[in-house]
Amino acid sequence: VSQALPTDDSRLQQTHCPDLALSQPCFSGNIFWHTRLGHLSFDKIKQLGFPCNNTNMPSFCPVCPKAKLHRQPFPLSTTRASRFFELLHVDIWGAYRCFTHDG
C-alpha cells in the first residue's frame, strides 16, 4: 500500500518504509516517448520511427512551457575577444531546486 507524495511529480510514491520512495513509470504510449526523448514534438517522434498513435495524443504537456526559453540569454554583440578568457559568459542564476525522493 502506498500513497502519492504532494509534489509536482506524480510518479513518486510513499511506501511502508519511510526511507524508500519508488519511482513508478505512469506514462504510456505517446507521452512516454515524449518525456523519454526530452519532450520532443510528436511529429519528430514519428519521424524517428517510435510508435506514436495519433488518436491518443495529449493536447498539453505541463513541463514543455516551463522548459522553453523565450528570450536569448545574452543580447547580440559585435564585441569579439582577441584572447582566450578575455570575454566570459557566466550563468549567475544559481542552483535550481530539484525535488528528489530524499529532499
PDB file of N, CA and C in Angstrom:
ATOM      1  N   VAL A   1       0.857  -1.175   0.000  1.00  0.00           N
ATOM      2  CA  VAL A   1       0.000   0.000   0.000  1.00  0.00           C
ATOM      3  C   VAL A   1       0.889   1.220   0.000  1.00  0.00           C
ATOM      4  N   SER A   2       0.552   2.194  -0.821  1.00  0.00           N
ATOM      5  CA  SER A   2       1.343   3.412  -0.905  1.00  0.00           C
ATOM      6  C   SER A   2       0.421   4.600  -1.105  1.00  0.00           C
ATOM      7  N   GLN A   3       0.946   5.776  -0.872  1.00  0.00           N
ATOM      8  CA  GLN A   3       0.166   6.988  -1.111  1.00  0.00           C
ATOM      9  C   GLN A   3       1.022   7.969  -1.883  1.00  0.00           C
ATOM     10  N   ALA A   4       0.380   8.799  -2.686  1.00  0.00           N
ATOM     11  CA  ALA A   4       1.109   9.752  -3.515  1.00  0.00           C
ATOM     12  C   ALA A   4       1.683  10.865  -2.654  1.00  0.00           C
ATOM     13  N   LEU A   5       2.889  11.290  -3.000  1.00  0.00           N
ATOM     14  CA  LEU A   5       3.513  12.405  -2.300  1.00  0.00           C
ATOM     15  C   LEU A   5       3.004  13.720  -2.876  1.00  0.00           C
ATOM     16  N   PRO A   6       2.869  14.761  -2.062  1.00  0.00           N
ATOM     17  CA  PRO A   6       2.353  16.042  -2.558  1.00  0.00           C
ATOM     18  C   PRO A   6       3.428  16.857  -3.271  1.00  0.00           C
ATOM     19  N   THR A   7       3.803  16.436  -4.472  1.00  0.00           N
ATOM     20  CA  THR A   7       4.774  17.170  -5.277  1.00  0.00           C
ATOM     21  C   THR A   7       4.220  17.308  -6.675  1.00  0.00           C
ATOM     22  N   ASP A   8       4.949  18.030  -7.503  1.00  0.00           N
ATOM     23  CA  ASP A   8       4.562  18.162  -8.908  1.00  0.00           C
ATOM     24  C   ASP A   8       4.790  16.865  -9.667  1.00  0.00           C
ATOM     25  N   ASP A   9       5.659  16.005  -9.158  1.00  0.00           N
ATOM     26  CA  ASP A   9       5.984  14.757  -9.839  1.00  0.00           C
ATOM     27  C   ASP A   9       5.042  13.667  -9.357  1.00  0.00           C
ATOM     28  N   SER A  10       4.064  13.308 -10.169  1.00  0.00           N
ATOM     29  CA  SER A  10       3.054  12.335  -9.759  1.00  0.00           C
ATOM     30  C   SER A  10       3.576  10.906  -9.776  1.00  0.00           C
ATOM     31  N   ARG A  11       4.838  10.691 -10.156  1.00  0.00           N
ATOM     32  CA  ARG A  11       5.379   9.341 -10.206  1.00  0.00           C
ATOM     33  C   ARG A  11       5.968   8.890  -8.876  1.00  0.00           C
ATOM     34  N   LEU A  12       6.167   9.808  -7.920  1.00  0.00           N
ATOM     35  CA  LEU A  12       6.738   9.418  -6.633  1.00  0.00           C
ATOM     36  C   LEU A  12       5.663   8.845  -5.728  1.00  0.00           C
ATOM     37  N   GLN A  13       5.969   7.748  -5.092  1.00  0.00           N
ATOM     38  CA  GLN A  13       5.036   7.085  -4.194  1.00  0.00           C
ATOM     39  C   GLN A  13       5.703   6.882  -2.841  1.00  0.00           C
ATOM     40  N   GLN A  14       4.971   7.103  -1.757  1.00  0.00           N
ATOM     41  CA  GLN A  14       5.481   6.832  -0.420  1.00  0.00           C
ATOM     42  C   GLN A  14       5.084   5.407  -0.046  1.00  0.00           C
ATOM     43  N   THR A  15       6.032   4.646   0.497  1.00  0.00           N
ATOM     44  CA  THR A  15       5.787   3.246   0.828  1.00  0.00           C
ATOM     45  C   THR A  15       5.820   3.055   2.336  1.00  0.00           C
ATOM     46  N   HIS A  16       5.699   1.778   2.766  1.00  0.00           N
ATOM     47  CA  HIS A  16       5.750   1.454   4.193  1.00  0.00           C
ATOM     48  C   HIS A  16       7.072   1.881   4.821  1.00  0.00           C
ATOM     49  N   CYS A  17       8.149   1.746   4.106  1.00  0.00           N
ATOM     50  CA  CYS A  17       9.468   2.122   4.604  1.00  0.00           C
ATOM     51  C   CYS A  17       9.663   3.617   4.362  1.00  0.00           C
ATOM     52  N   PRO A  18       9.818   4.429   5.412  1.00  0.00           N
ATOM     53  CA  PRO A  18       9.905   5.874   5.208  1.00  0.00           C
ATOM     54  C   PRO A  18      11.148   6.318   4.451  1.00  0.00           C
ATOM     55  N   ASP A  19      12.190   5.487   4.401  1.00  0.00           N
ATOM     56  CA  ASP A  19      13.416   5.864   3.708  1.00  0.00           C
ATOM     57  C   ASP A  19      13.403   5.490   2.236  1.00  0.00           C
ATOM     58  N   LEU A  20      12.306   4.955   1.750  1.00  0.00           N
ATOM     59  CA  LEU A  20      12.266   4.446   0.390  1.00  0.00           C
ATOM     60  C   LEU A  20      11.138   5.097  -0.387  1.00  0.00           C
ATOM     61  N   ALA A  21      11.433   5.561  -1.564  1.00  0.00           N
ATOM     62  CA  ALA A  21      10.403   6.071  -2.467  1.00  0.00           C
ATOM     63  C   ALA A  21      10.570   5.354  -3.797  1.00  0.00           C
ATOM     64  N   LEU A  22       9.498   4.896  -4.331  1.00  0.00           N
ATOM     65  CA  LEU A  22       9.531   4.180  -5.601  1.00  0.00           C
ATOM     66  C   LEU A  22       9.134   5.117  -6.719  1.00  0.00           C
ATOM     67  N   SER A  23       9.863   5.056  -7.783  1.00  0.00           N
ATOM     68  CA  SER A  23       9.505   5.818  -8.965  1.00  0.00           C
ATOM     69  C   SER A  23       8.833   4.851  -9.927  1.00  0.00           C
ATOM     70  N   GLN A  24       7.540   5.020 -10.108  1.00  0.00           N
ATOM     71  CA  GLN A  24       6.792   4.129 -10.973  1.00  0.00           C
ATOM     72  C   GLN A  24       6.460   4.850 -12.271  1.00  0.00           C
ATOM     73  N   PRO A  25       6.872   4.303 -13.402  1.00  0.00           N
ATOM     74  CA  PRO A  25       6.510   4.957 -14.653  1.00  0.00           C
ATOM     75  C   PRO A  25       5.007   4.871 -14.872  1.00  0.00           C
ATOM     76  N   CYS A  26       4.370   6.019 -14.942  1.00  0.00           N
ATOM     77  CA  CYS A  26       2.927   6.027 -15.150  1.00  0.00           C
ATOM     78  C   CYS A  26       2.595   6.498 -16.558  1.00  0.00           C
ATOM     79  N   PHE A  27       3.603   6.580 -17.417  1.00  0.00           N
ATOM     80  CA  PHE A  27       3.376   7.045 -18.772  1.00  0.00           C
ATOM     81  C   PHE A  27       3.100   5.858 -19.678  1.00  0.00           C
ATOM     82  N   SER A  28       2.331   6.095 -20.695  1.00  0.00           N
ATOM     83  CA  SER A  28       2.106   5.049 -21.676  1.00  0.00           C
ATOM     84  C   SER A  28       2.037   5.682 -23.050  1.00  0.00           C
ATOM     85  N   GLY A  29       2.479   4.947 -24.034  1.00  0.00           N
ATOM     86  CA  GLY A  29       2.352   5.384 -25.416  1.00  0.00           C
ATOM     87  C   GLY A  29       3.096   6.665 -25.733  1.00  0.00           C
ATOM     88  N   ASN A  30       2.354   7.613 -26.302  1.00  0.00           N
ATOM     89  CA  ASN A  30       2.946   8.849 -26.808  1.00  0.00           C
ATOM     90  C   ASN A  30       3.659   9.665 -25.744  1.00  0.00           C
ATOM     91  N   ILE A  31       3.046   9.827 -24.597  1.00  0.00           N
ATOM     92  CA  ILE A  31       3.638  10.669 -23.561  1.00  0.00           C
ATOM     93  C   ILE A  31       4.917  10.040 -23.011  1.00  0.00           C
ATOM     94  N   PHE A  32       5.011   8.706 -23.030  1.00  0.00           N
ATOM     95  CA  PHE A  32       6.242   8.039 -22.599  1.00  0.00           C
ATOM     96  C   PHE A  32       7.409   8.458 -23.477  1.00  0.00           C
ATOM     97  N   TRP A  33       7.239   8.355 -24.802  1.00  0.00           N
ATOM     98  CA  TRP A  33       8.326   8.714 -25.711  1.00  0.00           C
ATOM     99  C   TRP A  33       8.583  10.215 -25.697  1.00  0.00           C
ATOM    100  N   HIS A  34       7.543  11.000 -25.531  1.00  0.00           N
ATOM    101  CA  HIS A  34       7.693  12.458 -25.467  1.00  0.00           C
ATOM    102  C   HIS A  34       8.605  12.844 -24.301  1.00  0.00           C
ATOM    103  N   THR A  35       8.385  12.280 -23.122  1.00  0.00           N
ATOM    104  CA  THR A  35       9.212  12.612 -21.962  1.00  0.00           C
ATOM    105  C   THR A  35      10.573  11.927 -22.032  1.00  0.00           C
ATOM    106  N   ARG A  36      10.611  10.705 -22.513  1.00  0.00           N
ATOM    107  CA  ARG A  36      11.865   9.950 -22.578  1.00  0.00           C
ATOM    108  C   ARG A  36      12.864  10.590 -23.537  1.00  0.00           C
ATOM    109  N   LEU A  37      12.356  11.216 -24.602  1.00  0.00           N
ATOM    110  CA  LEU A  37      13.219  11.841 -25.605  1.00  0.00           C
ATOM    111  C   LEU A  37      13.394  13.340 -25.369  1.00  0.00           C
ATOM    112  N   GLY A  38      13.218  13.792 -24.145  1.00  0.00           N
ATOM    113  CA  GLY A  38      13.474  15.190 -23.814  1.00  0.00           C
ATOM    114  C   GLY A  38      12.399  16.140 -24.271  1.00  0.00           C
ATOM    115  N   HIS A  39      11.136  15.689 -24.257  1.00  0.00           N
ATOM    116  CA  HIS A  39       9.969  16.493 -24.631  1.00  0.00           C
ATOM    117  C   HIS A  39      10.019  16.898 -26.101  1.00  0.00           C
ATOM    118  N   LEU A  40      10.410  15.948 -26.916  1.00  0.00           N
ATOM    119  CA  LEU A  40      10.446  16.118 -28.363  1.00  0.00           C
ATOM    120  C   LEU A  40       9.026  16.184 -28.903  1.00  0.00           C
ATOM    121  N   SER A  41       8.822  16.939 -29.975  1.00  0.00           N
ATOM    122  CA  SER A  41       7.478  17.048 -30.546  1.00  0.00           C
ATOM    123  C   SER A  41       7.032  15.695 -31.098  1.00  0.00           C
ATOM    124  N   PHE A  42       5.722  15.507 -31.164  1.00  0.00           N
ATOM    125  CA  PHE A  42       5.184  14.222 -31.610  1.00  0.00           C
ATOM    126  C   PHE A  42       5.482  13.965 -33.086  1.00  0.00           C
ATOM    127  N   ASP A  43       5.564  15.029 -33.883  1.00  0.00           N
ATOM    128  CA  ASP A  43       5.937  14.850 -35.289  1.00  0.00           C
ATOM    129  C   ASP A  43       7.355  14.288 -35.408  1.00  0.00           C
ATOM    130  N   LYS A  44       8.262  14.801 -34.600  1.00  0.00           N
ATOM    131  CA  LYS A  44       9.649  14.312 -34.626  1.00  0.00           C
ATOM    132  C   LYS A  44       9.739  12.884 -34.088  1.00  0.00           C
ATOM    133  N   ILE A  45       8.924  12.560 -33.107  1.00  0.00           N
ATOM    134  CA  ILE A  45       8.912  11.191 -32.574  1.00  0.00           C
ATOM    135  C   ILE A  45       8.504  10.215 -33.671  1.00  0.00           C
ATOM    136  N   LYS A  46       7.492  10.596 -34.451  1.00  0.00           N
ATOM    137  CA  LYS A  46       7.058   9.732 -35.556  1.00  0.00           C
ATOM    138  C   LYS A  46       8.143   9.629 -36.621  1.00  0.00           C
ATOM    139  N   GLN A  47       8.853  10.742 -36.898  1.00  0.00           N
ATOM    140  CA  GLN A  47       9.926  10.712 -37.890  1.00  0.00           C
ATOM    141  C   GLN A  47      11.060   9.781 -37.471  1.00  0.00           C
ATOM    142  N   LEU A  48      11.289   9.676 -36.175  1.00  0.00           N
ATOM    143  CA  LEU A  48      12.332   8.784 -35.670  1.00  0.00           C
ATOM    144  C   LEU A  48      11.922   7.317 -35.708  1.00  0.00           C
ATOM    145  N   GLY A  49      10.639   7.056 -35.952  1.00  0.00           N
ATOM    146  CA  GLY A  49      10.170   5.685 -36.069  1.00  0.00           C
ATOM    147  C   GLY A  49       9.662   5.071 -34.783  1.00  0.00           C
ATOM    148  N   PHE A  50       9.514   5.872 -33.734  1.00  0.00           N
ATOM    149  CA  PHE A  50       8.958   5.355 -32.489  1.00  0.00           C
ATOM    150  C   PHE A  50       7.447   5.246 -32.621  1.00  0.00           C
ATOM    151  N   PRO A  51       6.832   4.293 -31.934  1.00  0.00           N
ATOM    152  CA  PRO A  51       5.380   4.154 -32.025  1.00  0.00           C
ATOM    153  C   PRO A  51       4.686   5.392 -31.466  1.00  0.00           C
ATOM    154  N   CYS A  52       3.846   5.993 -32.282  1.00  0.00           N
ATOM    155  CA  CYS A  52       3.146   7.212 -31.881  1.00  0.00           C
ATOM    156  C   CYS A  52       1.756   7.167 -32.494  1.00  0.00           C
ATOM    157  N   ASN A  53       0.752   7.016 -31.659  1.00  0.00           N
ATOM    158  CA  ASN A  53      -0.625   6.877 -32.106  1.00  0.00           C
ATOM    159  C   ASN A  53      -1.298   8.245 -32.138  1.00  0.00           C
ATOM    160  N   ASN A  54      -1.853   8.629 -33.270  1.00  0.00           N
ATOM    161  CA  ASN A  54      -2.492   9.942 -33.415  1.00  0.00           C
ATOM    162  C   ASN A  54      -3.764  10.079 -32.602  1.00  0.00           C
ATOM    163  N   THR A  55      -4.424   8.970 -32.271  1.00  0.00           N
ATOM    164  CA  THR A  55      -5.730   9.067 -31.617  1.00  0.00           C
ATOM    165  C   THR A  55      -5.649   9.460 -30.154  1.00  0.00           C
ATOM    166  N   ASN A  56      -4.542   9.123 -29.472  1.00  0.00           N
ATOM    167  CA  ASN A  56      -4.475   9.458 -28.049  1.00  0.00           C
ATOM    168  C   ASN A  56      -3.332  10.408 -27.717  1.00  0.00           C
ATOM    169  N   MET A  57      -3.073  11.363 -28.601  1.00  0.00           N
ATOM    170  CA  MET A  57      -2.042  12.356 -28.324  1.00  0.00           C
ATOM    171  C   MET A  57      -2.552  13.353 -27.296  1.00  0.00           C
ATOM    172  N   PRO A  58      -1.772  13.613 -26.265  1.00  0.00           N
ATOM    173  CA  PRO A  58      -2.204  14.614 -25.286  1.00  0.00           C
ATOM    174  C   PRO A  58      -2.165  16.004 -25.890  1.00  0.00           C
ATOM    175  N   SER A  59      -3.084  16.848 -25.470  1.00  0.00           N
ATOM    176  CA  SER A  59      -3.136  18.193 -26.026  1.00  0.00           C
ATOM    177  C   SER A  59      -2.216  19.147 -25.282  1.00  0.00           C
ATOM    178  N   PHE A  60      -1.737  18.752 -24.100  1.00  0.00           N
ATOM    179  CA  PHE A  60      -0.923  19.663 -23.306  1.00  0.00           C
ATOM    180  C   PHE A  60       0.058  18.891 -22.437  1.00  0.00           C
ATOM    181  N   CYS A  61       1.289  19.311 -22.447  1.00  0.00           N
ATOM    182  CA  CYS A  61       2.316  18.748 -21.571  1.00  0.00           C
ATOM    183  C   CYS A  61       2.685  19.840 -20.567  1.00  0.00           C
ATOM    184  N   PRO A  62       2.503  19.608 -19.261  1.00  0.00           N
ATOM    185  CA  PRO A  62       2.760  20.668 -18.281  1.00  0.00           C
ATOM    186  C   PRO A  62       4.229  21.064 -18.165  1.00  0.00           C
ATOM    187  N   VAL A  63       5.155  20.222 -18.612  1.00  0.00           N
ATOM    188  CA  VAL A  63       6.576  20.523 -18.482  1.00  0.00           C
ATOM    189  C   VAL A  63       7.082  21.399 -19.625  1.00  0.00           C
ATOM    190  N   CYS A  64       6.555  21.195 -20.834  1.00  0.00           N
ATOM    191  CA  CYS A  64       7.079  21.896 -22.006  1.00  0.00           C
ATOM    192  C   CYS A  64       7.082  23.423 -21.866  1.00  0.00           C
ATOM    193  N   PRO A  65       5.998  24.080 -21.449  1.00  0.00           N
ATOM    194  CA  PRO A  65       6.057  25.543 -21.320  1.00  0.00           C
ATOM    195  C   PRO A  65       7.050  26.010 -20.259  1.00  0.00           C
ATOM    196  N   LYS A  66       7.233  25.217 -19.211  1.00  0.00           N
ATOM    197  CA  LYS A  66       8.188  25.594 -18.164  1.00  0.00           C
ATOM    198  C   LYS A  66       9.625  25.506 -18.664  1.00  0.00           C
ATOM    199  N   ALA A  67       9.880  24.623 -19.615  1.00  0.00           N
ATOM    200  CA  ALA A  67      11.240  24.386 -20.075  1.00  0.00           C
ATOM    201  C   ALA A  67      11.664  25.293 -21.226  1.00  0.00           C
ATOM    202  N   LYS A  68      10.731  25.962 -21.854  1.00  0.00           N
ATOM    203  CA  LYS A  68      11.070  26.788 -23.010  1.00  0.00           C
ATOM    204  C   LYS A  68      11.642  28.133 -22.570  1.00  0.00           C
ATOM    205  N   LEU A  69      12.678  28.566 -23.250  1.00  0.00           N
ATOM    206  CA  LEU A  69      13.228  29.897 -23.027  1.00  0.00           C
ATOM    207  C   LEU A  69      12.658  30.817 -24.095  1.00  0.00           C
ATOM    208  N   HIS A  70      12.169  31.954 -23.690  1.00  0.00           N
ATOM    209  CA  HIS A  70      11.520  32.845 -24.644  1.00  0.00           C
ATOM    210  C   HIS A  70      12.378  34.030 -25.057  1.00  0.00           C
ATOM    211  N   ARG A  71      13.548  34.176 -24.502  1.00  0.00           N
ATOM    212  CA  ARG A  71      14.446  35.218 -24.973  1.00  0.00           C
ATOM    213  C   ARG A  71      15.870  34.698 -24.904  1.00  0.00           C
ATOM    214  N   GLN A  72      16.728  35.313 -25.666  1.00  0.00           N
ATOM    215  CA  GLN A  72      18.115  34.902 -25.697  1.00  0.00           C
ATOM    216  C   GLN A  72      18.779  35.214 -24.363  1.00  0.00           C
ATOM    217  N   PRO A  73      19.675  34.355 -23.890  1.00  0.00           N
ATOM    218  CA  PRO A  73      20.304  34.600 -22.598  1.00  0.00           C
ATOM    219  C   PRO A  73      21.227  35.817 -22.595  1.00  0.00           C
ATOM    220  N   PHE A  74      21.797  36.160 -23.727  1.00  0.00           N
ATOM    221  CA  PHE A  74      22.666  37.324 -23.831  1.00  0.00           C
ATOM    222  C   PHE A  74      22.280  38.112 -25.075  1.00  0.00           C
ATOM    223  N   PRO A  75      22.304  39.444 -25.016  1.00  0.00           N
ATOM    224  CA  PRO A  75      22.000  40.226 -26.216  1.00  0.00           C
ATOM    225  C   PRO A  75      23.097  40.042 -27.262  1.00  0.00           C
ATOM    226  N   LEU A  76      22.723  40.233 -28.527  1.00  0.00           N
ATOM    227  CA  LEU A  76      23.706  40.131 -29.599  1.00  0.00           C
ATOM    228  C   LEU A  76      24.734  41.241 -29.439  1.00  0.00           C
ATOM    229  N   SER A  77      25.971  40.919 -29.715  1.00  0.00           N
ATOM    230  CA  SER A  77      27.046  41.880 -29.532  1.00  0.00           C
ATOM    231  C   SER A  77      28.024  41.785 -30.687  1.00  0.00           C
ATOM    232  N   THR A  78      28.617  42.915 -31.028  1.00  0.00           N
ATOM    233  CA  THR A  78      29.658  42.923 -32.060  1.00  0.00           C
ATOM    234  C   THR A  78      31.043  42.825 -31.432  1.00  0.00           C
ATOM    235  N   THR A  79      31.119  42.832 -30.107  1.00  0.00           N
ATOM    236  CA  THR A  79      32.397  42.730 -29.405  1.00  0.00           C
ATOM    237  C   THR A  79      32.934  41.307 -29.530  1.00  0.00           C
ATOM    238  N   ARG A  80      34.182  41.210 -29.944  1.00  0.00           N
ATOM    239  CA  ARG A  80      34.832  39.910 -30.076  1.00  0.00           C
ATOM    240  C   ARG A  80      36.086  39.885 -29.217  1.00  0.00           C
ATOM    241  N   ALA A  81      36.326  38.789 -28.580  1.00  0.00           N
ATOM    242  CA  ALA A  81      37.531  38.643 -27.765  1.00  0.00           C
ATOM    243  C   ALA A  81      38.723  38.385 -28.669  1.00  0.00           C
ATOM    244  N   SER A  82      39.851  38.964 -28.317  1.00  0.00           N
ATOM    245  CA  SER A  82      41.070  38.740 -29.101  1.00  0.00           C
ATOM    246  C   SER A  82      41.970  37.684 -28.457  1.00  0.00           C
ATOM    247  N   ARG A  83      41.699  37.357 -27.183  1.00  0.00           N
ATOM    248  CA  ARG A  83      42.472  36.341 -26.465  1.00  0.00           C
ATOM    249  C   ARG A  83      41.503  35.410 -25.739  1.00  0.00           C
ATOM    250  N   PHE A  84      41.991  34.236 -25.373  1.00  0.00           N
ATOM    251  CA  PHE A  84      41.180  33.319 -24.584  1.00  0.00           C
ATOM    252  C   PHE A  84      40.843  33.947 -23.240  1.00  0.00           C
ATOM    253  N   PHE A  85      39.626  33.741 -22.785  1.00  0.00           N
ATOM    254  CA  PHE A  85      39.116  34.206 -21.491  1.00  0.00           C
ATOM    255  C   PHE A  85      39.078  35.727 -21.353  1.00  0.00           C
ATOM    256  N   GLU A  86      39.171  36.438 -22.461  1.00  0.00           N
ATOM    257  CA  GLU A  86      39.038  37.893 -22.403  1.00  0.00           C
ATOM    258  C   GLU A  86      37.572  38.285 -22.209  1.00  0.00           C
ATOM    259  N   LEU A  87      36.684  37.492 -22.749  1.00  0.00           N
ATOM    260  CA  LEU A  87      35.250  37.733 -22.630  1.00  0.00           C
ATOM    261  C   LEU A  87      34.597  36.437 -22.164  1.00  0.00           C
ATOM    262  N   LEU A  88      33.904  36.491 -21.039  1.00  0.00           N
ATOM    263  CA  LEU A  88      33.280  35.299 -20.471  1.00  0.00           C
ATOM    264  C   LEU A  88      31.779  35.493 -20.348  1.00  0.00           C
ATOM    265  N   HIS A  89      31.031  34.435 -20.602  1.00  0.00           N
ATOM    266  CA  HIS A  89      29.592  34.399 -20.350  1.00  0.00           C
ATOM    267  C   HIS A  89      29.384  33.424 -19.206  1.00  0.00           C
ATOM    268  N   VAL A  90      28.755  33.894 -18.139  1.00  0.00           N
ATOM    269  CA  VAL A  90      28.626  33.092 -16.932  1.00  0.00           C
ATOM    270  C   VAL A  90      27.162  33.008 -16.535  1.00  0.00           C
ATOM    271  N   ASP A  91      26.728  31.818 -16.148  1.00  0.00           N
ATOM    272  CA  ASP A  91      25.372  31.622 -15.650  1.00  0.00           C
ATOM    273  C   ASP A  91      25.356  31.983 -14.172  1.00  0.00           C
ATOM    274  N   ILE A  92      24.683  33.070 -13.825  1.00  0.00           N
ATOM    275  CA  ILE A  92      24.650  33.515 -12.430  1.00  0.00           C
ATOM    276  C   ILE A  92      23.297  33.237 -11.788  1.00  0.00           C
ATOM    277  N   TRP A  93      22.499  32.377 -12.416  1.00  0.00           N
ATOM    278  CA  TRP A  93      21.163  32.080 -11.909  1.00  0.00           C
ATOM    279  C   TRP A  93      21.231  31.365 -10.575  1.00  0.00           C
ATOM    280  N   GLY A  94      22.190  30.501 -10.407  1.00  0.00           N
ATOM    281  CA  GLY A  94      22.337  29.780  -9.147  1.00  0.00           C
ATOM    282  C   GLY A  94      21.787  28.372  -9.221  1.00  0.00           C
ATOM    283  N   ALA A  95      21.765  27.731  -8.083  1.00  0.00           N
ATOM    284  CA  ALA A  95      21.294  26.344  -8.016  1.00  0.00           C
ATOM    285  C   ALA A  95      19.789  26.284  -8.247  1.00  0.00           C
ATOM    286  N   TYR A  96      19.358  25.238  -8.924  1.00  0.00           N
ATOM    287  CA  TYR A  96      17.947  25.029  -9.207  1.00  0.00           C
ATOM    288  C   TYR A  96      17.392  24.061  -8.187  1.00  0.00           C
ATOM    289  N   ARG A  97      16.219  24.368  -7.661  1.00  0.00           N
ATOM    290  CA  ARG A  97      15.571  23.465  -6.706  1.00  0.00           C
ATOM    291  C   ARG A  97      15.040  22.247  -7.443  1.00  0.00           C
ATOM    292  N   CYS A  98      15.581  21.126  -7.143  1.00  0.00           N
ATOM    293  CA  CYS A  98      15.164  19.888  -7.790  1.00  0.00           C
ATOM    294  C   CYS A  98      14.674  18.935  -6.710  1.00  0.00           C
ATOM    295  N   PHE A  99      13.399  18.593  -6.745  1.00  0.00           N
ATOM    296  CA  PHE A  99      12.828  17.711  -5.738  1.00  0.00           C
ATOM    297  C   PHE A  99      13.180  16.264  -6.053  1.00  0.00           C
ATOM    298  N   THR A 100      13.748  15.581  -5.073  1.00  0.00           N
ATOM    299  CA  THR A 100      14.075  14.169  -5.210  1.00  0.00           C
ATOM    300  C   THR A 100      13.432  13.403  -4.064  1.00  0.00           C
ATOM    301  N   HIS A 101      13.567  12.090  -4.093  1.00  0.00           N
ATOM    302  CA  HIS A 101      12.919  11.284  -3.062  1.00  0.00           C
ATOM    303  C   HIS A 101      13.514  11.519  -1.675  1.00  0.00           C
ATOM    304  N   ASP A 102      14.755  12.009  -1.590  1.00  0.00           N
ATOM    305  CA  ASP A 102      15.338  12.256  -0.271  1.00  0.00           C
ATOM    306  C   ASP A 102      15.515  13.744   0.028  1.00  0.00           C
ATOM    307  N   GLY A 103      14.836  14.586  -0.733  1.00  0.00           N
ATOM    308  CA  GLY A 103      14.866  16.017  -0.461  1.00  0.00           C
ATOM    309  C   GLY A 103      15.892  16.727  -1.259  1.00  0.00           C
TER     310      GLY A 103
END
